[in-house]
Amino acid sequence: MARWPGILWNHRNYLIIILTPLLFLPLPLVIPGPEARCGFAIILMALYWCTECMPLAVTALLPVVLFPMMGIMKAGEVCVEYLKDSNMLFIGGLLVAIAVEQWKLHKRIAIRVLLIVGVRPALLMMGFMMVSAFLSMWISNTATTAMMLPIAQAVLDQLRDTEARADERELQAPGEDNHAFELDTKQNKVDVTDEKDEVTKTKLDADKRKREGIEPVAGSLEARREERAQRYGLLTKGMSLSVCYSASIGGTATLTGTTPNLILKGQVDKIFPENGDIINFASWFAFSFPNMLIMLVLSWLWLQFLFMGANMKKSFGCGASSDRDKEAYAVMREEHRKLGGISFAEGAVLTIFTLLVVLWFTREPGFMDGWATVLFNKGGEFVSDGTIAILMSMLFFVIPSQIPRLRGYGVDEEGKQIRAPSTLLNWQMVHERMPWNIILLLGGGFALAAGSEKSGLSKWLGESLAPLKSIPAFAITVLLCLLIATFTECSSNTATTTLFLPILASMATAIEIHPLYVMMPCTIAASFAFMLPVATPPNAIAFSFGNLKVMDMVKAGFMLNIIGIVTVNLGINTWGYAMFKMDTFPQWANITHT
């Protein structure tokens, strides 16, 4: 009998896949109508997504099977939902991110910023958070975290080691020579001593002093070593969490920064087709970027307090010795030197990236006609953000990675002469790094929204939620953000937004409040998965890097969740309220459901 629980646990995925549809089968059988059949499909997908008994992308394909077989939608109508304009925007944004990573442009930007902010712990944490947030606006949160944490670890190790050597110098007897601590400035080398070597050296020095009759300062070096180990242990934890948290926070600032943002745009365009492109790159950035900055500052203050204490003067002055600063600074300077001068490929990628962002911002800025309106969109919405993303990303497959020259480009691995340079990207690179599963996830969300609309489930849900009209709108938004921020700790943020956004849209139209008033804060709240190592890949990377315990992440993440919910609700009730005219129920939302 004792073996049965283990056997069941090992086969839990198979049991969930088989038993879930059987348990909920009475729903479409007892309650007639397409609403119940669509509800059955959504419940099935929700449980599969939450438990991950099947790959998320495979679960996202269930509407292709279930909706036609249940008579909800025709197969052709369902399949069309899997490749919308939002998918093209996602693909274009990822191609840019792949090019940036391929030519290590993100690492050059990161190290350059860190060289500017310096190596004092408080400023160092600020620098890492700023760089991580900025990079995650354009490349994946996971890639940002994976790149930044080793740099942070190297700098902290150097700070700790140089402080250890400085402590030993200070406690050394007058007139005693110690050539082991001399800095070789000519060759610009940094002597990195690990903690075991430090303890061994301390014991040897103590024995030497004892033989020579020199009285040591009782316990001073040992006390400093213990205090330093404890302080840098906390600093390592705080720095690791600051990188992964700021990567998640930064992803909320741009439309392509994280998948839930694109899901929101796709769902709004699907459910409210007459919305007039209310969510585009410029409008999203105008709302989310200030929110991101406020949250980043508050998160930095919270992590400072939690891991470095309330004494900001001590935090800013930690490691104030010039030798310590110089040696830790040398680590980053050496990393920057290894990158060499900026190459033609890096310059080309940076130019394309900059041009893409400028075109996104000026396509439809809102306060004036953009270039797309003047040139292409006079008769309708012909050119979108997805059009620009695909156009600019195609240039990566056209522009060479080196300046063309007549004498060739050396030889390849097989010894053959290379007569033409490779382009900035090739399809093999894209195929290896493109997360194709996310495209299917996006499509599955759009198919669910279409099925809910076609079956009448959205209308039924809206009518059921009508009593919420008596509750103040801001209270509804706060409660929903809390719900989604909690739900996303145990489920993918992509799956969370896919499931909740159609329901939120139905609720908003039923109680006649602006749909974006609830949909935008909840979309951003889906990225607030800060409390558990398994919540996001960046959390998992930081957990393994920073010698963290689960309770460390829970304590830090719980307060960050509260900070995030307060910040996003502050934003939607101030500048967001004015930007999107939240005080009126929009006509485009009313027409859709009449």
Foldseek 3Di string as FASTA:
>chain_A
DVCVVVVCVVCVLVCLLPVLLVVLVVQCVVDPFLLSLLVSLLVSLLVCQLVVSDPNLVSLCVCLPRCCVVVLDNNVVLVVLLDDLLLLLLLLLALLQLLCVVLVVLVLVLLVQQLVQFQQLLSNLVSLLVSLLVSLQRYPLLVSLVVSLVLVVLLLQLLLQLVLVVQCVVQDDPPDDDVVNDDPVVVLDFDGDDPVVSVVVVVVSVVVCVVVVHDGDPCPSVVVSVVSVLLSLLSLLLSLLSNSQSSLLSLQQFCNSDLLSSLLQLLCCLLQVPPVCCDFGQNSNVQRVVLSVVLSVVLSQLSCCVRVNPPVVCSRCPSVDPSSRVSSSSSSVVVSVVSPDQAPSSVVSVVLVVVLVVCRCQPCVPVDHGPCCVPPAVPHCDDGNSNSSVVSSVQQQVAFSHDQDQPFDAADPVRHTHRGGGGSDDVVSCVVPPPVSSSSLSSSLSSSLVSCLSRVNLLVLQQVLLVCLVPDLLVVQLVLLVVLLVSLLSGPLSSSSSSCLSSLLSNCLSSQFASCLRNVLNSSSSSLNQQACPSDSSSVVSCVSSVDDSVSRNVSSVVSSVSSSVSSSVSCVPVVCVSVVRVHRDPSSNVSVD
